[in-house]
Amino acid sequence: MVKKSIYIAFLLLLLPQLALAIRIKDIASFDGVRDNQLIGYGLVVGLNGTGDSDQTTFPVQSLVNVLERMGITVNRADIKVKNVAAVMVTATLPPFAKQGSKMDVLVSSMGDAKSVAGGTLLMTPLKGGDGQVYAVAQGGVLTNSFSYGGQAASAQKNHPTAGRVPDGALVERELPNVLADRIQLKLNLHQPDFTTASRMATAVNEKFKARVAFCSDPGAVTLNIPDAYQGRTVEFVAELEGLDVRPDVSARVVLNERTGTIVVGENVRISSVAVSHGNLTLYIRETPQVSQPQPLSKTGETKVVPRTALKVSEESGGLAILREGANIGDVVRALNALGVTPRDLIGIMQAIKAAGALQAELTVI
């Protein structure tokens, strides 16, 4: 029983170190393996009087073009519909998507339509940045919202002028295979760092017992495919993605003055400094009094007599000393002892940085 307890305690001690290791696939991606954005212009039909009004002309023109392509000749001046809405259709084409694969699309109204809920998106070509059609979208629009109203009142839930078409797009053109017939690959780090890139290259070389990887710059690691994996690039990539690497994080404090959010990195250290904090509150209230003559009096006039209530309160401020090399836990405990709020902490952090005692990068967003 004692040995089992010691074993469990040893594992608990190792958990913080093991938790720092992250898979390569979570902190880096292969060069060329990425998503591609698609966009298209389409029409949503079948709306219950919530489509674009007659003041929006391009949906009517688009509807005329659709009918003419179907062999129906109409006069544009005779078309007055409220069940049609012009929309922009966007989607993200994942890497290695094959013909016939399905993906979701986002539908967003362009005109003055009140809602696209319950509508059907007509066949819409989706183009990439090169102008080529990579997918075609069509299907029912789901908004998870509603919008109803009358002349004096209305009710709305969520956002009715934008929705999704689940599995509404079919891939018609495949992207080139960037991994085929390659003898060299490149891993791009999501957060470029010299130390992280070096650790990644070391982990790969230890895995394959050869100098397979080398750092070309802090944002990328170049990989030479071993002879044993020639023609088996997918298997080589699968072996790489599962390797654990401990990324290095720079010391940084991020402050958001709009929301009062503060994020302090683990490696932040503070030199010896004393911090004092106190609040001064000034309360001023104007309550003017109106003085007027008695009813039916022959003399006198109405006057406004000013009344001002003034109150000054100052909270007692304490003095906290942060020793040299204090970590984030020491900083939090010392500042909590002063009773500071998140917004007060923003000013304190900026003051510590101005004093040269904050050994970290201070970022205000």
Protein backbone atom coordinates (compact mmCIF):
# COMPACT_ATOMS: atom_id res chain seq x y z
CA MET A 1 0.00 0.00 0.00
CA VAL A 2 2.86 2.36 0.84
CA LYS A 3 4.61 1.62 -2.47
CA LYS A 4 1.38 2.29 -4.34
CA SER A 5 0.96 5.65 -2.61
CA ILE A 6 4.56 6.61 -3.43
CA TYR A 7 4.00 5.62 -7.06
CA ILE A 8 0.87 7.73 -7.31
CA ALA A 9 2.62 10.71 -5.71
CA PHE A 10 5.48 10.35 -8.20
CA LEU A 11 3.01 10.41 -11.10
CA LEU A 12 1.33 13.51 -9.72
CA LEU A 13 4.69 15.25 -9.60
CA LEU A 14 5.30 14.39 -13.23
CA LEU A 15 1.90 15.59 -14.47
CA PRO A 16 2.83 19.32 -14.70
CA GLN A 17 5.90 18.50 -16.82
CA LEU A 18 3.98 16.06 -19.02
CA ALA A 19 1.16 18.56 -19.51
CA LEU A 20 3.59 21.04 -21.06
CA ALA A 21 4.33 18.70 -23.99
CA ILE A 22 2.13 19.39 -27.02
CA ARG A 23 1.82 17.45 -30.25
CA ILE A 24 3.51 18.91 -33.31
CA LYS A 25 0.21 18.91 -35.21
CA ASP A 26 -1.19 21.37 -32.64
CA ILE A 27 1.59 23.95 -32.87
CA ALA A 28 2.64 23.70 -36.53
CA SER A 29 1.26 22.94 -39.98
CA PHE A 30 2.82 21.74 -43.20
CA ASP A 31 3.61 24.27 -45.86
CA GLY A 32 0.85 24.31 -48.49
CA VAL A 33 -1.62 22.31 -46.40
CA ARG A 34 -4.22 24.95 -45.61
CA ASP A 35 -7.84 25.97 -46.07
CA ASN A 36 -9.00 28.05 -49.02
CA GLN A 37 -11.82 30.59 -48.94
CA LEU A 38 -14.63 30.48 -51.50
CA ILE A 39 -17.28 33.07 -52.33
CA GLY A 40 -20.30 33.32 -54.59
CA TYR A 41 -23.43 35.37 -55.31
CA GLY A 42 -26.83 33.69 -55.18
CA LEU A 43 -30.56 33.96 -54.58
CA VAL A 44 -32.66 32.66 -51.72
CA VAL A 45 -36.27 31.96 -52.73
CA GLY A 46 -39.35 30.75 -50.93
CA LEU A 47 -39.41 33.47 -48.29
CA ASN A 48 -42.69 34.42 -46.66
CA GLY A 49 -42.78 38.05 -47.73
CA THR A 50 -39.50 38.81 -45.94
CA GLY A 51 -37.31 39.15 -49.02
CA ASP A 52 -35.80 42.22 -50.65
CA SER A 53 -38.14 45.11 -51.43
CA ASP A 54 -38.67 46.72 -54.83
CA GLN A 55 -36.12 49.38 -53.92
CA THR A 56 -33.37 46.78 -54.22
CA THR A 57 -33.01 46.29 -57.96
CA PHE A 58 -30.25 43.69 -58.35
CA PRO A 59 -32.24 40.74 -56.92
CA VAL A 60 -34.92 41.29 -59.59
CA GLN A 61 -32.30 41.47 -62.32
CA SER A 62 -30.72 38.27 -61.03
CA LEU A 63 -34.11 36.55 -61.00
CA VAL A 64 -34.72 37.62 -64.61
CA ASN A 65 -31.35 36.16 -65.63
CA VAL A 66 -32.16 32.86 -63.88
CA LEU A 67 -35.54 32.58 -65.63
CA GLU A 68 -34.04 33.41 -69.02
CA ARG A 69 -31.42 30.66 -68.60
CA MET A 70 -34.33 28.29 -68.03
CA GLY A 71 -35.99 29.39 -71.25
CA ILE A 72 -38.58 31.72 -69.73
CA THR A 73 -38.73 35.22 -71.18
CA VAL A 74 -40.13 37.83 -68.80
CA ASN A 75 -40.34 41.59 -68.64
CA ARG A 76 -38.31 42.98 -65.81
CA ALA A 77 -40.85 45.73 -65.15
CA ASP A 78 -43.54 43.12 -64.52
CA ILE A 79 -41.65 41.35 -61.73
CA LYS A 80 -42.55 42.47 -58.22
CA VAL A 81 -41.76 39.81 -55.64
CA LYS A 82 -40.98 39.85 -51.94
CA ASN A 83 -40.06 36.20 -51.59
CA VAL A 84 -36.56 36.54 -53.08
CA ALA A 85 -33.39 37.80 -51.39
CA ALA A 86 -29.94 38.39 -52.85
CA VAL A 87 -27.22 36.82 -50.72
CA MET A 88 -23.47 36.34 -50.59
CA VAL A 89 -22.44 32.73 -50.08
CA THR A 90 -19.11 31.95 -48.42
CA ALA A 91 -17.42 28.66 -47.56
CA THR A 92 -14.06 27.24 -46.56
CA LEU A 93 -12.56 24.54 -48.77
CA PRO A 94 -10.49 22.18 -46.58
CA PRO A 95 -7.19 20.74 -47.87
CA PHE A 96 -7.34 17.47 -49.80
CA ALA A 97 -11.12 17.79 -50.36
CA LYS A 98 -12.21 15.40 -53.10
CA GLN A 99 -14.86 15.74 -55.78
CA GLY A 100 -18.27 15.02 -54.32
CA SER A 101 -17.26 15.98 -50.77
CA LYS A 102 -19.76 18.14 -48.92
CA MET A 103 -19.19 21.21 -46.77
CA ASP A 104 -21.27 23.84 -44.99
CA VAL A 105 -21.85 27.27 -46.49
CA LEU A 106 -22.76 30.60 -44.88
CA VAL A 107 -25.53 32.68 -46.46
CA SER A 108 -25.70 36.43 -45.74
CA SER A 109 -28.28 38.89 -47.06
CA MET A 110 -27.05 41.77 -49.23
CA GLY A 111 -30.22 43.84 -49.59
CA ASP A 112 -32.97 44.94 -47.23
CA ALA A 113 -34.51 41.51 -46.64
CA LYS A 114 -36.01 41.10 -43.19
CA SER A 115 -35.25 37.40 -42.90
CA VAL A 116 -33.91 34.47 -44.93
CA ALA A 117 -35.33 31.86 -42.56
CA GLY A 118 -37.12 29.04 -44.35
CA GLY A 119 -35.74 29.99 -47.76
CA THR A 120 -33.96 27.82 -50.31
CA LEU A 121 -30.62 28.77 -51.81
CA LEU A 122 -30.57 28.29 -55.58
CA MET A 123 -27.57 26.68 -57.27
CA THR A 124 -24.64 29.03 -56.62
CA PRO A 125 -21.10 28.57 -58.03
CA LEU A 126 -18.40 29.22 -55.42
CA LYS A 127 -15.12 30.62 -56.72
CA GLY A 128 -11.66 30.85 -55.23
CA GLY A 129 -9.16 33.68 -55.36
CA ASP A 130 -8.04 32.55 -58.82
CA GLY A 131 -11.55 32.90 -60.26
CA GLN A 132 -12.04 29.16 -60.74
CA VAL A 133 -15.23 27.41 -59.58
CA TYR A 134 -14.38 24.87 -56.87
CA ALA A 135 -17.82 24.08 -55.45
CA VAL A 136 -21.55 24.53 -56.07
CA ALA A 137 -23.97 25.32 -53.23
CA GLN A 138 -27.71 24.71 -52.97
CA GLY A 139 -30.19 23.81 -50.24
CA GLY A 140 -32.41 24.98 -47.42
CA VAL A 141 -31.21 27.85 -45.21
CA LEU A 142 -31.22 27.40 -41.44
CA THR A 143 -31.00 30.51 -39.26
CA ASN A 144 -32.15 29.33 -35.80
CA SER A 145 -33.97 32.65 -35.51
CA PHE A 146 -37.26 34.40 -36.19
CA SER A 147 -38.48 37.92 -36.85
CA TYR A 148 -42.16 38.88 -36.65
CA GLY A 149 -43.89 42.18 -36.15
CA GLY A 150 -46.75 44.52 -36.85
CA GLN A 151 -47.24 48.23 -37.07
CA ALA A 152 -46.69 48.92 -33.38
CA ALA A 153 -44.57 46.03 -32.10
CA SER A 154 -42.11 43.39 -33.29
CA ALA A 155 -40.18 40.43 -31.92
CA GLN A 156 -36.85 39.03 -33.06
CA LYS A 157 -34.53 36.25 -31.91
CA ASN A 158 -30.90 35.89 -32.97
CA HIS A 159 -29.91 37.15 -36.45
CA PRO A 160 -32.48 36.32 -39.15
CA THR A 161 -30.62 37.77 -42.15
CA ALA A 162 -27.76 35.24 -42.07
CA GLY A 163 -27.83 31.46 -41.91
CA ARG A 164 -26.12 28.23 -42.87
CA VAL A 165 -26.79 25.45 -45.35
CA PRO A 166 -25.44 22.27 -43.72
CA ASP A 167 -23.60 20.12 -46.27
CA GLY A 168 -24.99 22.48 -48.89
CA ALA A 169 -21.93 22.65 -51.14
CA LEU A 170 -20.49 19.92 -53.35
CA VAL A 171 -16.81 20.07 -54.27
CA GLU A 172 -16.42 20.09 -58.06
CA ARG A 173 -12.69 20.80 -58.41
CA GLU A 174 -9.89 19.32 -56.33
CA LEU A 175 -6.86 21.22 -55.16
CA PRO A 176 -3.42 19.97 -56.25
CA ASN A 177 -1.81 17.44 -53.90
CA VAL A 178 1.04 19.38 -52.32
CA LEU A 179 2.53 16.26 -50.70
CA ALA A 180 2.80 14.07 -53.80
CA ASP A 181 6.32 13.22 -55.05
CA ARG A 182 8.00 15.42 -52.45
CA ILE A 183 11.46 14.71 -51.08
CA GLN A 184 11.39 17.64 -48.67
CA LEU A 185 8.66 19.11 -46.45
CA LYS A 186 8.43 22.23 -44.35
CA LEU A 187 6.68 22.70 -41.00
CA ASN A 188 5.47 26.24 -40.28
CA LEU A 189 5.11 27.12 -36.60
CA HIS A 190 1.91 28.87 -35.58
CA GLN A 191 3.96 31.00 -33.16
CA PRO A 192 7.50 31.50 -34.51
CA ASP A 193 10.13 31.00 -31.82
CA PHE A 194 13.81 30.04 -31.91
CA THR A 195 13.62 27.70 -28.94
CA THR A 196 10.45 25.94 -30.05
CA ALA A 197 11.82 25.40 -33.57
CA SER A 198 15.05 23.95 -32.17
CA ARG A 199 13.18 21.60 -29.84
CA MET A 200 10.96 20.44 -32.68
CA ALA A 201 13.94 19.63 -34.91
CA THR A 202 15.61 17.76 -32.05
CA ALA A 203 12.48 15.69 -31.36
CA VAL A 204 12.18 14.71 -35.03
CA ASN A 205 15.86 13.73 -35.30
CA GLU A 206 15.65 11.62 -32.14
CA LYS A 207 12.56 9.88 -33.47
CA PHE A 208 14.12 8.81 -36.77
CA LYS A 209 17.68 8.42 -35.44
CA ALA A 210 19.05 10.64 -38.23
CA ARG A 211 19.44 14.29 -39.16
CA VAL A 212 16.05 14.54 -40.81
CA ALA A 213 15.06 18.01 -39.62
CA PHE A 214 16.91 21.31 -39.42
CA CYS A 215 15.79 24.85 -38.61
CA SER A 216 15.81 27.20 -41.57
CA ASP A 217 14.40 30.08 -39.49
CA PRO A 218 12.48 30.48 -36.19
CA GLY A 219 9.17 30.09 -38.01
CA ALA A 220 9.86 26.90 -39.97
CA VAL A 221 11.51 23.49 -39.72
CA THR A 222 12.65 21.82 -42.95
CA LEU A 223 12.27 18.03 -43.18
CA ASN A 224 14.09 15.64 -45.51
CA ILE A 225 11.96 12.55 -46.08
CA PRO A 226 14.04 9.47 -45.13
CA ASP A 227 14.70 6.83 -47.76
CA ALA A 228 12.56 4.35 -45.84
CA TYR A 229 9.54 6.66 -46.28
CA GLN A 230 10.02 7.54 -49.95
CA GLY A 231 6.62 7.15 -51.59
CA ARG A 232 5.03 6.91 -48.14
CA THR A 233 4.68 10.59 -47.35
CA VAL A 234 1.39 10.20 -45.53
CA GLU A 235 2.87 7.64 -43.12
CA PHE A 236 5.88 9.91 -42.53
CA VAL A 237 3.61 12.85 -41.73
CA ALA A 238 1.51 10.71 -39.38
CA GLU A 239 4.66 9.74 -37.45
CA LEU A 240 5.66 13.39 -37.16
CA GLU A 241 2.33 14.79 -36.01
CA GLY A 242 2.21 12.59 -32.94
CA LEU A 243 5.57 13.71 -31.55
CA ASP A 244 5.42 15.75 -28.32
CA VAL A 245 7.29 19.05 -28.12
CA ARG A 246 7.38 21.53 -25.24
CA PRO A 247 6.88 24.98 -26.81
CA ASP A 248 8.64 27.95 -25.29
CA VAL A 249 6.48 30.92 -24.32
CA SER A 250 7.78 34.47 -24.03
CA ALA A 251 7.06 36.51 -20.91
CA ARG A 252 4.10 38.70 -21.76
CA VAL A 253 1.29 40.58 -20.00
CA VAL A 254 -1.80 41.34 -22.10
CA LEU A 255 -4.18 44.07 -20.95
CA ASN A 256 -7.61 44.83 -22.42
CA GLU A 257 -8.73 48.22 -21.14
CA ARG A 258 -12.17 47.95 -22.73
CA THR A 259 -13.21 44.79 -20.88
CA GLY A 260 -10.81 44.88 -17.93
CA THR A 261 -9.30 41.53 -18.93
CA ILE A 262 -5.74 40.77 -17.83
CA VAL A 263 -3.69 37.75 -18.90
CA VAL A 264 -0.25 37.21 -17.32
CA GLY A 265 2.12 34.63 -18.75
CA GLU A 266 3.82 31.98 -16.63
CA ASN A 267 7.34 33.31 -17.28
CA VAL A 268 6.59 36.86 -16.12
CA ARG A 269 8.95 38.00 -13.37
CA ILE A 270 9.07 41.22 -11.36
CA SER A 271 12.08 42.92 -9.78
CA SER A 272 11.91 44.27 -6.23
CA VAL A 273 9.29 46.99 -6.12
CA ALA A 274 6.81 48.45 -3.61
CA VAL A 275 3.23 49.05 -4.75
CA SER A 276 0.72 51.29 -3.00
CA HIS A 277 -2.91 51.54 -4.02
CA GLY A 278 -5.81 53.67 -2.86
CA ASN A 279 -9.02 55.12 -4.28
CA LEU A 280 -10.40 58.62 -3.93
CA THR A 281 -14.16 58.97 -4.52
CA LEU A 282 -15.80 62.37 -4.96
CA TYR A 283 -19.63 62.40 -4.81
CA ILE A 284 -21.47 65.55 -5.99
CA ARG A 285 -25.26 65.78 -6.19
CA GLU A 286 -27.26 68.80 -7.31
CA THR A 287 -30.76 69.11 -5.78
CA PRO A 288 -32.07 72.61 -6.60
CA GLN A 289 -35.06 73.88 -4.61
CA VAL A 290 -37.83 76.00 -6.17
CA SER A 291 -39.18 78.90 -4.10
CA GLN A 292 -42.45 80.48 -5.24
CA PRO A 293 -44.99 82.90 -3.70
CA GLN A 294 -48.13 81.77 -1.95
CA PRO A 295 -51.31 81.32 -4.01
CA LEU A 296 -53.25 84.56 -4.75
CA SER A 297 -50.40 86.75 -3.45
CA LYS A 298 -49.90 90.10 -5.18
CA THR A 299 -46.11 90.27 -4.84
CA GLY A 300 -43.18 87.90 -5.11
CA GLU A 301 -41.68 85.81 -7.88
CA THR A 302 -40.54 82.23 -8.40
CA LYS A 303 -36.82 81.56 -7.81
CA VAL A 304 -34.61 78.51 -8.00
CA VAL A 305 -32.35 78.08 -4.97
CA PRO A 306 -29.31 75.85 -5.66
CA ARG A 307 -28.54 72.98 -3.30
CA THR A 308 -25.34 70.96 -3.62
CA ALA A 309 -24.45 67.85 -1.65
CA LEU A 310 -20.71 67.09 -1.54
CA LYS A 311 -19.10 63.96 -0.11
CA VAL A 312 -15.45 62.90 -0.31
CA SER A 313 -14.30 59.41 0.66
CA GLU A 314 -10.83 57.92 0.36
CA GLU A 315 -10.13 54.25 0.84
CA SER A 316 -7.08 53.39 2.87
CA GLY A 317 -4.29 52.26 0.59
CA GLY A 318 -1.82 49.58 1.56
CA LEU A 319 1.78 49.05 0.61
CA ALA A 320 2.79 45.69 -0.85
CA ILE A 321 6.39 44.71 -1.52
CA LEU A 322 7.13 42.39 -4.43
CA ARG A 323 10.49 40.69 -4.03
CA GLU A 324 12.92 40.23 -6.90
CA GLY A 325 12.12 37.21 -9.04
CA ALA A 326 8.50 37.06 -7.89
CA ASN A 327 6.45 34.77 -10.10
CA ILE A 328 2.85 35.16 -11.20
CA GLY A 329 1.52 33.51 -8.04
CA ASP A 330 3.40 35.96 -5.81
CA VAL A 331 2.15 38.91 -7.87
CA VAL A 332 -1.48 37.80 -7.69
CA ARG A 333 -1.36 37.22 -3.93
CA ALA A 334 0.30 40.58 -3.24
CA LEU A 335 -2.12 42.57 -5.39
CA ASN A 336 -5.15 40.72 -4.04
CA ALA A 337 -4.02 41.76 -0.57
CA LEU A 338 -4.37 45.38 -1.70
CA GLY A 339 -7.96 44.70 -2.81
CA VAL A 340 -7.44 45.92 -6.36
CA THR A 341 -9.99 45.45 -9.12
CA PRO A 342 -9.05 44.25 -12.62
CA ARG A 343 -9.21 47.79 -13.98
CA ASP A 344 -7.00 49.04 -11.14
CA LEU A 345 -4.57 46.21 -11.90
CA ILE A 346 -4.18 47.52 -15.44
CA GLY A 347 -2.89 50.83 -14.12
CA ILE A 348 -0.65 49.09 -11.59
CA MET A 349 0.92 46.87 -14.27
CA GLN A 350 1.58 49.87 -16.48
CA ALA A 351 3.18 51.70 -13.57
CA ILE A 352 5.40 48.70 -12.71
CA LYS A 353 6.47 48.52 -16.36
CA ALA A 354 7.24 52.25 -16.37
CA ALA A 355 9.38 51.76 -13.27
CA GLY A 356 11.41 49.13 -15.12
CA ALA A 357 10.49 46.37 -12.68
CA LEU A 358 8.31 44.28 -14.98
CA GLN A 359 10.53 41.79 -16.81
CA ALA A 360 8.03 41.04 -19.58
CA GLU A 361 6.46 42.48 -22.66
CA LEU A 362 3.39 44.59 -21.91
CA THR A 363 0.70 44.48 -24.61
CA VAL A 364 -2.42 46.65 -24.48
CA ILE A 365 -5.26 45.65 -26.79
